[in-house]
Amino acid sequence: MQTILGAGGAISNSLATELRQYTDTIRLVSRHPKRINETDELVSADLTDAAATAHAVAGSEVVYLLAGLQYKLKAWQQQWPVIMQNVIEACKQHNAKLVFFDNMYMYDVNSLGNMTEEAPLNPPSKKGAVRAAIVQKLMNEIQAGNINALIARSADFYGPNVNTSMLQETVYKNLKKGKKAQWMGVVAKVHSFTYVPDAAKATALLGNTPDAFNQVWHLPTSTERLTGKDWIELFAKHMQVQPRYTTFSKGMIKVLGLFIPILGEMHEMLYQYDRDYFFNSQKFRNRFPDFQITSYEEGVQQTIAADR
């Protein structure tokens, strides 16, 4: 059995589909889980509850932690350390391997132009500090030989039927409404995005590759270096609309954040948009040379097509 903790999100749903290649028994765990495959086993659990987490993990060979918390610093600070501790203990108790789906918030700001798995963990944000702490907790358990685990790390993401992608929310959906696309920070800077179906397929592959464990992996992401302006023009091209856009400066975001809570939470993350942000997945490509990474043009086309 393979188990997804935090079922119901964009990555989780795609992962549930991909795991059918490796197992006939998939368990989906969340507060209100819904089947993706007809044979999925559903377990309702709160991952901040240690006993409920242990029950959800029982009988699993591989566990995938993809919990999506509310995008609020306070929630992250209160819940992520508890969830990570509960999941680690549950996996140790039931001798299950752990795959942690991670982001890049913990990396040093000077590494963003070419992020690799060896980038220093020196987060410039409070949310990044939370991520760094739970990653260190997991790495300590790995290094002590207490658990077999791997970290599958993604850049910002986009893809079909995704409702939590900043790219789609600010660019695609605005253009679709006949409005100007919006870009935070400097539109001339490079920004990588990981395609959700590729991320899910690769996460399933890593979780079922024994020698992939006890290390960090960047999930496969196109090597193309598109700027914010390039992304806007690419979406506009395939939507057959004019690539009109406006940009938001840090000052504007700070003021708007007083009235729009999500923008207030985003302010500390704007360093990702004032410089090149390139996510290097060469390690994965070297290990899995036959894996076909979706080009940005094809990814944008598929994203638009799915919405139609």
C-alpha atoms as a PDB file:
ATOM      1  CA  MET A   1       0.000   0.000   0.000  1.00  0.00           C
ATOM      2  CA  GLN A   2       1.103   3.553  -0.765  1.00  0.00           C
ATOM      3  CA  THR A   3      -0.448   6.442   1.129  1.00  0.00           C
ATOM      4  CA  ILE A   4      -0.883  10.129   0.327  1.00  0.00           C
ATOM      5  CA  LEU A   5      -1.121  12.399   3.371  1.00  0.00           C
ATOM      6  CA  GLY A   6      -2.756  15.640   2.317  1.00  0.00           C
ATOM      7  CA  ALA A   7      -4.944  14.305  -0.480  1.00  0.00           C
ATOM      8  CA  GLY A   8      -7.129  16.584  -2.557  1.00  0.00           C
ATOM      9  CA  GLY A   9      -4.627  19.133  -3.841  1.00  0.00           C
ATOM     10  CA  ALA A  10      -3.397  19.623  -7.403  1.00  0.00           C
ATOM     11  CA  ILE A  11      -0.218  17.585  -6.915  1.00  0.00           C
ATOM     12  CA  SER A  12      -1.951  14.973  -4.742  1.00  0.00           C
ATOM     13  CA  ASN A  13      -4.663  14.274  -7.287  1.00  0.00           C
ATOM     14  CA  SER A  14      -2.160  13.805 -10.099  1.00  0.00           C
ATOM     15  CA  LEU A  15       0.054  11.673  -7.853  1.00  0.00           C
ATOM     16  CA  ALA A  16      -2.859   9.381  -7.002  1.00  0.00           C
ATOM     17  CA  THR A  17      -3.301   8.717 -10.707  1.00  0.00           C
ATOM     18  CA  GLU A  18       0.412   8.106 -11.291  1.00  0.00           C
ATOM     19  CA  LEU A  19       0.760   5.668  -8.391  1.00  0.00           C
ATOM     20  CA  ARG A  20      -1.499   3.162 -10.135  1.00  0.00           C
ATOM     21  CA  GLN A  21       1.574   2.151 -12.149  1.00  0.00           C
ATOM     22  CA  TYR A  22       3.253   0.916  -8.973  1.00  0.00           C
ATOM     23  CA  THR A  23       0.569  -0.357  -6.605  1.00  0.00           C
ATOM     24  CA  ASP A  24      -2.979  -1.676  -6.609  1.00  0.00           C
ATOM     25  CA  THR A  25      -3.684  -0.204  -3.182  1.00  0.00           C
ATOM     26  CA  ILE A  26      -3.673   3.561  -2.682  1.00  0.00           C
ATOM     27  CA  ARG A  27      -4.828   5.257   0.504  1.00  0.00           C
ATOM     28  CA  LEU A  28      -5.882   8.915   0.423  1.00  0.00           C
ATOM     29  CA  VAL A  29      -5.745  10.792   3.719  1.00  0.00           C
ATOM     30  CA  SER A  30      -7.120  14.249   4.504  1.00  0.00           C
ATOM     31  CA  ARG A  31      -9.894  15.770   6.582  1.00  0.00           C
ATOM     32  CA  HIS A  32     -12.404  15.074   3.806  1.00  0.00           C
ATOM     33  CA  PRO A  33     -10.776  12.740   1.236  1.00  0.00           C
ATOM     34  CA  LYS A  34     -12.381  11.977  -2.137  1.00  0.00           C
ATOM     35  CA  ARG A  35     -11.530   9.119  -4.487  1.00  0.00           C
ATOM     36  CA  ILE A  36      -9.414   9.766  -7.561  1.00  0.00           C
ATOM     37  CA  ASN A  37      -9.244   6.104  -8.560  1.00  0.00           C
ATOM     38  CA  GLU A  38     -12.203   3.779  -8.113  1.00  0.00           C
ATOM     39  CA  THR A  39     -10.316   1.515  -5.703  1.00  0.00           C
ATOM     40  CA  ASP A  40      -8.788   4.218  -3.491  1.00  0.00           C
ATOM     41  CA  GLU A  41      -9.068   3.678   0.261  1.00  0.00           C
ATOM     42  CA  LEU A  42     -10.191   6.828   2.083  1.00  0.00           C
ATOM     43  CA  VAL A  43      -9.112   7.768   5.598  1.00  0.00           C
ATOM     44  CA  SER A  44     -10.195  10.963   7.335  1.00  0.00           C
ATOM     45  CA  ALA A  45      -7.469  12.297   9.618  1.00  0.00           C
ATOM     46  CA  ASP A  46      -6.050  15.476  11.115  1.00  0.00           C
ATOM     47  CA  LEU A  47      -2.277  15.302  10.714  1.00  0.00           C
ATOM     48  CA  THR A  48      -1.753  17.485  13.786  1.00  0.00           C
ATOM     49  CA  ASP A  49      -3.153  14.540  15.783  1.00  0.00           C
ATOM     50  CA  ALA A  50      -0.370  12.003  16.419  1.00  0.00           C
ATOM     51  CA  ALA A  51      -2.680   9.030  16.974  1.00  0.00           C
ATOM     52  CA  ALA A  52      -4.740   9.796  13.871  1.00  0.00           C
ATOM     53  CA  THR A  53      -1.570  10.151  11.808  1.00  0.00           C
ATOM     54  CA  ALA A  54      -0.204   6.821  13.046  1.00  0.00           C
ATOM     55  CA  HIS A  55      -3.515   5.147  12.193  1.00  0.00           C
ATOM     56  CA  ALA A  56      -3.456   6.690   8.696  1.00  0.00           C
ATOM     57  CA  VAL A  57       0.083   5.422   8.034  1.00  0.00           C
ATOM     58  CA  ALA A  58      -0.413   1.880   9.388  1.00  0.00           C
ATOM     59  CA  GLY A  59       0.145  -0.778   6.728  1.00  0.00           C
ATOM     60  CA  SER A  60       1.830   1.601   4.266  1.00  0.00           C
ATOM     61  CA  GLU A  61       4.995   0.751   2.370  1.00  0.00           C
ATOM     62  CA  VAL A  62       5.538   4.299   1.079  1.00  0.00           C
ATOM     63  CA  VAL A  63       4.003   7.489   2.488  1.00  0.00           C
ATOM     64  CA  TYR A  64       3.842  10.775   0.556  1.00  0.00           C
ATOM     65  CA  LEU A  65       3.515  13.944   2.642  1.00  0.00           C
ATOM     66  CA  LEU A  66       1.806  16.629   0.548  1.00  0.00           C
ATOM     67  CA  ALA A  67      -0.138  18.526   3.184  1.00  0.00           C
ATOM     68  CA  GLY A  68      -1.273  21.952   2.014  1.00  0.00           C
ATOM     69  CA  LEU A  69      -1.725  24.398   4.869  1.00  0.00           C
ATOM     70  CA  GLN A  70      -3.460  27.747   4.761  1.00  0.00           C
ATOM     71  CA  TYR A  71      -1.014  30.312   3.346  1.00  0.00           C
ATOM     72  CA  LYS A  72      -0.574  32.127   6.643  1.00  0.00           C
ATOM     73  CA  LEU A  73       2.667  32.414   8.597  1.00  0.00           C
ATOM     74  CA  LYS A  74       0.997  31.756  11.953  1.00  0.00           C
ATOM     75  CA  ALA A  75      -0.618  28.545  10.672  1.00  0.00           C
ATOM     76  CA  TRP A  76       2.712  27.354   9.256  1.00  0.00           C
ATOM     77  CA  GLN A  77       4.574  28.096  12.494  1.00  0.00           C
ATOM     78  CA  GLN A  78       1.995  26.299  14.614  1.00  0.00           C
ATOM     79  CA  GLN A  79       1.172  23.313  12.432  1.00  0.00           C
ATOM     80  CA  TRP A  80       4.131  22.331  10.233  1.00  0.00           C
ATOM     81  CA  PRO A  81       6.521  21.267  13.041  1.00  0.00           C
ATOM     82  CA  VAL A  82       3.744  19.183  14.633  1.00  0.00           C
ATOM     83  CA  ILE A  83       2.764  17.549  11.344  1.00  0.00           C
ATOM     84  CA  MET A  84       6.343  16.692  10.418  1.00  0.00           C
ATOM     85  CA  GLN A  85       7.026  15.188  13.857  1.00  0.00           C
ATOM     86  CA  ASN A  86       3.816  13.146  13.751  1.00  0.00           C
ATOM     87  CA  VAL A  87       4.519  11.820  10.258  1.00  0.00           C
ATOM     88  CA  ILE A  88       8.130  10.927  11.069  1.00  0.00           C
ATOM     89  CA  GLU A  89       7.081   9.041  14.205  1.00  0.00           C
ATOM     90  CA  ALA A  90       4.265   7.255  12.366  1.00  0.00           C
ATOM     91  CA  CYS A  91       6.608   6.145   9.571  1.00  0.00           C
ATOM     92  CA  LYS A  92       9.180   4.928  12.084  1.00  0.00           C
ATOM     93  CA  GLN A  93       6.512   3.038  14.035  1.00  0.00           C
ATOM     94  CA  HIS A  94       5.158   1.298  10.937  1.00  0.00           C
ATOM     95  CA  ASN A  95       8.459   0.957   9.054  1.00  0.00           C
ATOM     96  CA  ALA A  96       7.197   3.019   6.116  1.00  0.00           C
ATOM     97  CA  LYS A  97       9.348   5.000   3.690  1.00  0.00           C
ATOM     98  CA  LEU A  98       8.594   8.725   3.519  1.00  0.00           C
ATOM     99  CA  VAL A  99       8.531  11.048   0.501  1.00  0.00           C
ATOM    100  CA  PHE A 100       8.231  14.716   1.493  1.00  0.00           C
ATOM    101  CA  PHE A 101       7.013  17.054  -1.252  1.00  0.00           C
ATOM    102  CA  ASP A 102       8.815  20.317  -0.575  1.00  0.00           C
ATOM    103  CA  ASN A 103       9.306  23.800  -2.002  1.00  0.00           C
ATOM    104  CA  MET A 104      12.380  26.036  -2.329  1.00  0.00           C
ATOM    105  CA  TYR A 105      11.608  28.656   0.321  1.00  0.00           C
ATOM    106  CA  MET A 106      14.550  27.619   2.514  1.00  0.00           C
ATOM    107  CA  TYR A 107      17.268  28.418  -0.031  1.00  0.00           C
ATOM    108  CA  ASP A 108      19.694  31.309   0.352  1.00  0.00           C
ATOM    109  CA  VAL A 109      18.574  34.301  -1.681  1.00  0.00           C
ATOM    110  CA  ASN A 110      21.871  34.359  -3.582  1.00  0.00           C
ATOM    111  CA  SER A 111      21.216  30.846  -4.915  1.00  0.00           C
ATOM    112  CA  LEU A 112      17.998  31.652  -6.743  1.00  0.00           C
ATOM    113  CA  GLY A 113      19.671  32.261 -10.097  1.00  0.00           C
ATOM    114  CA  ASN A 114      20.677  28.566 -10.282  1.00  0.00           C
ATOM    115  CA  MET A 115      19.040  26.510  -7.538  1.00  0.00           C
ATOM    116  CA  THR A 116      20.503  23.029  -7.058  1.00  0.00           C
ATOM    117  CA  GLU A 117      20.075  20.470  -4.296  1.00  0.00           C
ATOM    118  CA  GLU A 118      23.332  21.733  -2.779  1.00  0.00           C
ATOM    119  CA  ALA A 119      22.100  25.329  -2.353  1.00  0.00           C
ATOM    120  CA  PRO A 120      22.670  26.654   1.202  1.00  0.00           C
ATOM    121  CA  LEU A 121      19.681  26.555   3.553  1.00  0.00           C
ATOM    122  CA  ASN A 122      19.528  30.179   4.633  1.00  0.00           C
ATOM    123  CA  PRO A 123      15.931  31.378   4.236  1.00  0.00           C
ATOM    124  CA  PRO A 124      15.322  35.123   3.865  1.00  0.00           C
ATOM    125  CA  SER A 125      11.663  34.841   4.940  1.00  0.00           C
ATOM    126  CA  LYS A 126       9.764  33.673   8.014  1.00  0.00           C
ATOM    127  CA  LYS A 127       7.868  31.087   5.986  1.00  0.00           C
ATOM    128  CA  GLY A 128      11.200  29.878   4.633  1.00  0.00           C
ATOM    129  CA  ALA A 129      12.478  29.532   8.200  1.00  0.00           C
ATOM    130  CA  VAL A 130       9.566  27.189   8.972  1.00  0.00           C
ATOM    131  CA  ARG A 131      10.373  25.070   5.920  1.00  0.00           C
ATOM    132  CA  ALA A 132      14.074  24.970   6.777  1.00  0.00           C
ATOM    133  CA  ALA A 133      13.325  23.797  10.314  1.00  0.00           C
ATOM    134  CA  ILE A 134      11.107  20.884   9.257  1.00  0.00           C
ATOM    135  CA  VAL A 135      13.558  19.883   6.520  1.00  0.00           C
ATOM    136  CA  GLN A 136      16.371  19.836   9.083  1.00  0.00           C
ATOM    137  CA  LYS A 137      14.231  17.741  11.411  1.00  0.00           C
ATOM    138  CA  LEU A 138      13.704  15.163   8.662  1.00  0.00           C
ATOM    139  CA  MET A 139      17.351  15.205   7.543  1.00  0.00           C
ATOM    140  CA  ASN A 140      18.471  14.615  11.141  1.00  0.00           C
ATOM    141  CA  GLU A 141      16.316  11.476  11.283  1.00  0.00           C
ATOM    142  CA  ILE A 142      17.671  10.294   7.927  1.00  0.00           C
ATOM    143  CA  GLN A 143      21.280  10.860   8.954  1.00  0.00           C
ATOM    144  CA  ALA A 144      20.700   9.048  12.242  1.00  0.00           C
ATOM    145  CA  GLY A 145      19.421   6.033  10.284  1.00  0.00           C
ATOM    146  CA  ASN A 146      16.000   6.237  11.912  1.00  0.00           C
ATOM    147  CA  ILE A 147      13.986   6.500   8.702  1.00  0.00           C
ATOM    148  CA  ASN A 148      14.222   5.968   4.947  1.00  0.00           C
ATOM    149  CA  ALA A 149      13.015   9.180   3.367  1.00  0.00           C
ATOM    150  CA  LEU A 150      13.572  11.520   0.455  1.00  0.00           C
ATOM    151  CA  ILE A 151      12.725  15.126  -0.290  1.00  0.00           C
ATOM    152  CA  ALA A 152      11.130  15.889  -3.659  1.00  0.00           C
ATOM    153  CA  ARG A 153      11.425  19.623  -4.168  1.00  0.00           C
ATOM    154  CA  SER A 154       9.464  21.729  -6.663  1.00  0.00           C
ATOM    155  CA  ALA A 155       9.658  25.259  -7.977  1.00  0.00           C
ATOM    156  CA  ASP A 156       6.490  27.344  -8.219  1.00  0.00           C
ATOM    157  CA  PHE A 157       4.096  25.248 -10.273  1.00  0.00           C
ATOM    158  CA  TYR A 158       1.408  25.434 -12.955  1.00  0.00           C
ATOM    159  CA  GLY A 159      -0.699  23.026 -14.980  1.00  0.00           C
ATOM    160  CA  PRO A 160      -4.160  21.771 -15.972  1.00  0.00           C
ATOM    161  CA  ASN A 161      -6.929  22.157 -13.385  1.00  0.00           C
ATOM    162  CA  VAL A 162      -4.623  23.870 -10.882  1.00  0.00           C
ATOM    163  CA  ASN A 163      -6.228  26.563  -8.714  1.00  0.00           C
ATOM    164  CA  THR A 164      -3.253  27.385  -6.504  1.00  0.00           C
ATOM    165  CA  SER A 165      -0.751  28.544  -9.124  1.00  0.00           C
ATOM    166  CA  MET A 166       0.324  32.172  -8.830  1.00  0.00           C
ATOM    167  CA  LEU A 167       1.144  32.142 -12.557  1.00  0.00           C
ATOM    168  CA  GLN A 168      -2.344  31.051 -13.526  1.00  0.00           C
ATOM    169  CA  GLU A 169      -4.107  33.281 -11.023  1.00  0.00           C
ATOM    170  CA  THR A 170      -2.315  36.474 -12.024  1.00  0.00           C
ATOM    171  CA  VAL A 171      -1.625  35.883 -15.710  1.00  0.00           C
ATOM    172  CA  TYR A 172      -3.956  33.331 -17.299  1.00  0.00           C
ATOM    173  CA  LYS A 173      -7.151  34.108 -15.382  1.00  0.00           C
ATOM    174  CA  ASN A 174      -6.781  37.861 -15.837  1.00  0.00           C
ATOM    175  CA  LEU A 175      -6.187  37.540 -19.572  1.00  0.00           C
ATOM    176  CA  LYS A 176      -9.176  35.205 -19.773  1.00  0.00           C
ATOM    177  CA  LYS A 177     -11.364  37.902 -18.177  1.00  0.00           C
ATOM    178  CA  GLY A 178     -10.135  40.473 -20.676  1.00  0.00           C
ATOM    179  CA  LYS A 179      -8.022  42.197 -18.034  1.00  0.00           C
ATOM    180  CA  LYS A 180      -4.314  42.940 -17.973  1.00  0.00           C
ATOM    181  CA  ALA A 181      -2.069  40.187 -16.689  1.00  0.00           C
ATOM    182  CA  GLN A 182      -0.343  41.016 -13.412  1.00  0.00           C
ATOM    183  CA  TRP A 183       3.262  40.323 -12.487  1.00  0.00           C
ATOM    184  CA  MET A 184       4.831  40.860  -9.110  1.00  0.00           C
ATOM    185  CA  GLY A 185       8.304  42.358  -9.121  1.00  0.00           C
ATOM    186  CA  VAL A 186      10.494  42.656 -12.202  1.00  0.00           C
ATOM    187  CA  VAL A 187       8.891  41.320 -15.369  1.00  0.00           C
ATOM    188  CA  ALA A 188      12.272  41.048 -17.133  1.00  0.00           C
ATOM    189  CA  LYS A 189      13.637  38.439 -14.685  1.00  0.00           C
ATOM    190  CA  VAL A 190      13.710  34.690 -15.407  1.00  0.00           C
ATOM    191  CA  HIS A 191      11.242  32.556 -13.437  1.00  0.00           C
ATOM    192  CA  SER A 192      11.047  28.749 -13.578  1.00  0.00           C
ATOM    193  CA  PHE A 193       7.758  26.900 -13.098  1.00  0.00           C
ATOM    194  CA  THR A 194       7.357  23.149 -12.581  1.00  0.00           C
ATOM    195  CA  TYR A 195       4.569  21.484 -14.580  1.00  0.00           C
ATOM    196  CA  VAL A 196       2.226  19.663 -12.181  1.00  0.00           C
ATOM    197  CA  PRO A 197       1.792  16.429 -14.199  1.00  0.00           C
ATOM    198  CA  ASP A 198       5.594  16.140 -14.498  1.00  0.00           C
ATOM    199  CA  ALA A 199       6.003  16.783 -10.759  1.00  0.00           C
ATOM    200  CA  ALA A 200       3.456  14.097  -9.866  1.00  0.00           C
ATOM    201  CA  LYS A 201       4.883  11.527 -12.277  1.00  0.00           C
ATOM    202  CA  ALA A 202       8.407  12.163 -10.993  1.00  0.00           C
ATOM    203  CA  THR A 203       7.344  12.002  -7.331  1.00  0.00           C
ATOM    204  CA  ALA A 204       5.750   8.601  -7.921  1.00  0.00           C
ATOM    205  CA  LEU A 205       8.877   7.440  -9.748  1.00  0.00           C
ATOM    206  CA  LEU A 206      11.181   8.581  -6.934  1.00  0.00           C
ATOM    207  CA  GLY A 207       8.988   6.936  -4.297  1.00  0.00           C
ATOM    208  CA  ASN A 208       9.319   3.641  -6.137  1.00  0.00           C
ATOM    209  CA  THR A 209      13.071   3.842  -6.833  1.00  0.00           C
ATOM    210  CA  PRO A 210      14.946   2.326  -3.865  1.00  0.00           C
ATOM    211  CA  ASP A 211      18.251   4.106  -4.502  1.00  0.00           C
ATOM    212  CA  ALA A 212      16.512   7.514  -4.618  1.00  0.00           C
ATOM    213  CA  PHE A 213      15.949   7.531  -0.864  1.00  0.00           C
ATOM    214  CA  ASN A 214      17.893   9.416   1.813  1.00  0.00           C
ATOM    215  CA  GLN A 215      18.627  12.395  -0.440  1.00  0.00           C
ATOM    216  CA  VAL A 216      17.104  15.539  -1.918  1.00  0.00           C
ATOM    217  CA  TRP A 217      15.783  15.727  -5.490  1.00  0.00           C
ATOM    218  CA  HIS A 218      14.685  18.679  -7.572  1.00  0.00           C
ATOM    219  CA  LEU A 219      11.652  17.613  -9.572  1.00  0.00           C
ATOM    220  CA  PRO A 220      12.034  17.803 -13.367  1.00  0.00           C
ATOM    221  CA  THR A 221      11.548  21.338 -14.640  1.00  0.00           C
ATOM    222  CA  SER A 222      12.162  22.764 -18.102  1.00  0.00           C
ATOM    223  CA  THR A 223      15.591  24.288 -18.682  1.00  0.00           C
ATOM    224  CA  GLU A 224      14.007  27.096 -20.722  1.00  0.00           C
ATOM    225  CA  ARG A 225      14.695  30.543 -19.270  1.00  0.00           C
ATOM    226  CA  LEU A 226      11.433  32.437 -19.650  1.00  0.00           C
ATOM    227  CA  THR A 227      11.029  35.869 -18.084  1.00  0.00           C
ATOM    228  CA  GLY A 228       7.778  37.145 -16.650  1.00  0.00           C
ATOM    229  CA  LYS A 229       7.176  38.997 -19.910  1.00  0.00           C
ATOM    230  CA  ASP A 230       7.839  35.781 -21.857  1.00  0.00           C
ATOM    231  CA  TRP A 231       5.280  33.901 -19.748  1.00  0.00           C
ATOM    232  CA  ILE A 232       2.646  36.569 -20.338  1.00  0.00           C
ATOM    233  CA  GLU A 233       3.316  36.558 -24.082  1.00  0.00           C
ATOM    234  CA  LEU A 234       3.209  32.760 -24.224  1.00  0.00           C
ATOM    235  CA  PHE A 235      -0.200  32.560 -22.560  1.00  0.00           C
ATOM    236  CA  ALA A 236      -1.523  35.441 -24.666  1.00  0.00           C
ATOM    237  CA  LYS A 237      -0.297  33.786 -27.870  1.00  0.00           C
ATOM    238  CA  HIS A 238      -2.214  30.576 -27.225  1.00  0.00           C
ATOM    239  CA  MET A 239      -5.275  32.435 -25.967  1.00  0.00           C
ATOM    240  CA  GLN A 240      -5.158  34.664 -29.046  1.00  0.00           C
ATOM    241  CA  VAL A 241      -5.297  37.860 -26.999  1.00  0.00           C
ATOM    242  CA  GLN A 242      -3.020  40.858 -26.616  1.00  0.00           C
ATOM    243  CA  PRO A 243      -0.239  40.395 -24.019  1.00  0.00           C
ATOM    244  CA  ARG A 244      -1.222  43.382 -21.908  1.00  0.00           C
ATOM    245  CA  TYR A 245       0.135  43.471 -18.376  1.00  0.00           C
ATOM    246  CA  THR A 246       0.852  45.553 -15.335  1.00  0.00           C
ATOM    247  CA  THR A 247       3.494  45.049 -12.639  1.00  0.00           C
ATOM    248  CA  PHE A 248       3.262  45.340  -8.865  1.00  0.00           C
ATOM    249  CA  SER A 249       6.227  46.730  -6.944  1.00  0.00           C
ATOM    250  CA  LYS A 250       7.102  45.723  -3.381  1.00  0.00           C
ATOM    251  CA  GLY A 251       5.664  49.007  -2.161  1.00  0.00           C
ATOM    252  CA  MET A 252       2.379  48.436  -3.957  1.00  0.00           C
ATOM    253  CA  ILE A 253       2.112  44.892  -2.595  1.00  0.00           C
ATOM    254  CA  LYS A 254       2.780  46.131   0.932  1.00  0.00           C
ATOM    255  CA  VAL A 255      -0.010  48.697   0.712  1.00  0.00           C
ATOM    256  CA  LEU A 256      -2.454  46.311  -0.973  1.00  0.00           C
ATOM    257  CA  GLY A 257      -1.621  43.706   1.665  1.00  0.00           C
ATOM    258  CA  LEU A 258      -3.296  45.913   4.256  1.00  0.00           C
ATOM    259  CA  PHE A 259      -6.600  45.225   2.487  1.00  0.00           C
ATOM    260  CA  ILE A 260      -5.991  41.864   0.746  1.00  0.00           C
ATOM    261  CA  PRO A 261      -4.671  39.292   3.267  1.00  0.00           C
ATOM    262  CA  ILE A 262      -3.058  36.952   0.714  1.00  0.00           C
ATOM    263  CA  LEU A 263      -0.982  39.830  -0.678  1.00  0.00           C
ATOM    264  CA  GLY A 264       0.091  40.665   2.852  1.00  0.00           C
ATOM    265  CA  GLU A 265       1.350  37.096   3.201  1.00  0.00           C
ATOM    266  CA  MET A 266       3.132  37.336  -0.163  1.00  0.00           C
ATOM    267  CA  HIS A 267       5.113  40.473   0.645  1.00  0.00           C
ATOM    268  CA  GLU A 268       8.010  38.665   2.331  1.00  0.00           C
ATOM    269  CA  MET A 269       8.303  36.327  -0.674  1.00  0.00           C
ATOM    270  CA  LEU A 270       8.763  39.066  -3.292  1.00  0.00           C
ATOM    271  CA  TYR A 271      12.523  38.543  -3.299  1.00  0.00           C
ATOM    272  CA  GLN A 272      11.744  35.638  -5.652  1.00  0.00           C
ATOM    273  CA  TYR A 273      10.515  38.096  -8.271  1.00  0.00           C
ATOM    274  CA  ASP A 274      13.186  40.812  -8.201  1.00  0.00           C
ATOM    275  CA  ARG A 275      15.974  38.567  -9.529  1.00  0.00           C
ATOM    276  CA  ASP A 276      16.385  35.536 -11.784  1.00  0.00           C
ATOM    277  CA  TYR A 277      14.759  32.393 -10.356  1.00  0.00           C
ATOM    278  CA  PHE A 278      16.045  29.297 -12.137  1.00  0.00           C
ATOM    279  CA  PHE A 279      15.279  25.824 -10.796  1.00  0.00           C
ATOM    280  CA  ASN A 280      17.977  23.335 -11.813  1.00  0.00           C
ATOM    281  CA  SER A 281      16.845  19.697 -12.020  1.00  0.00           C
ATOM    282  CA  GLN A 282      19.961  18.293 -13.708  1.00  0.00           C
ATOM    283  CA  LYS A 283      20.431  15.670 -10.961  1.00  0.00           C
ATOM    284  CA  PHE A 284      17.037  14.155 -11.765  1.00  0.00           C
ATOM    285  CA  ARG A 285      17.698  14.272 -15.521  1.00  0.00           C
ATOM    286  CA  ASN A 286      21.024  12.489 -15.039  1.00  0.00           C
ATOM    287  CA  ARG A 287      19.419   9.698 -12.982  1.00  0.00           C
ATOM    288  CA  PHE A 288      16.320   9.336 -15.181  1.00  0.00           C
ATOM    289  CA  PRO A 289      17.465  10.290 -18.701  1.00  0.00           C
ATOM    290  CA  ASP A 290      14.368   8.824 -20.369  1.00  0.00           C
ATOM    291  CA  PHE A 291      11.955  11.053 -18.427  1.00  0.00           C
ATOM    292  CA  GLN A 292      10.259  13.431 -20.865  1.00  0.00           C
ATOM    293  CA  ILE A 293      10.021  16.922 -19.377  1.00  0.00           C
ATOM    294  CA  THR A 294       7.143  18.998 -20.737  1.00  0.00           C
ATOM    295  CA  SER A 295       8.183  22.154 -22.567  1.00  0.00           C
ATOM    296  CA  TYR A 296       6.698  25.419 -21.375  1.00  0.00           C
ATOM    297  CA  GLU A 297       4.831  25.891 -24.645  1.00  0.00           C
ATOM    298  CA  GLU A 298       3.203  22.473 -24.416  1.00  0.00           C
ATOM    299  CA  GLY A 299       2.445  22.981 -20.722  1.00  0.00           C
ATOM    300  CA  VAL A 300       0.713  26.282 -21.399  1.00  0.00           C
ATOM    301  CA  GLN A 301      -1.280  24.744 -24.251  1.00  0.00           C
ATOM    302  CA  GLN A 302      -2.405  21.838 -22.040  1.00  0.00           C
ATOM    303  CA  THR A 303      -3.299  24.195 -19.198  1.00  0.00           C
ATOM    304  CA  ILE A 304      -5.508  26.310 -21.463  1.00  0.00           C
ATOM    305  CA  ALA A 305      -7.043  23.278 -23.173  1.00  0.00           C
ATOM    306  CA  ALA A 306      -8.034  21.688 -19.852  1.00  0.00           C
ATOM    307  CA  ASP A 307      -9.880  24.847 -18.862  1.00  0.00           C
ATOM    308  CA  ARG A 308     -11.891  24.846 -22.067  1.00  0.00           C
END
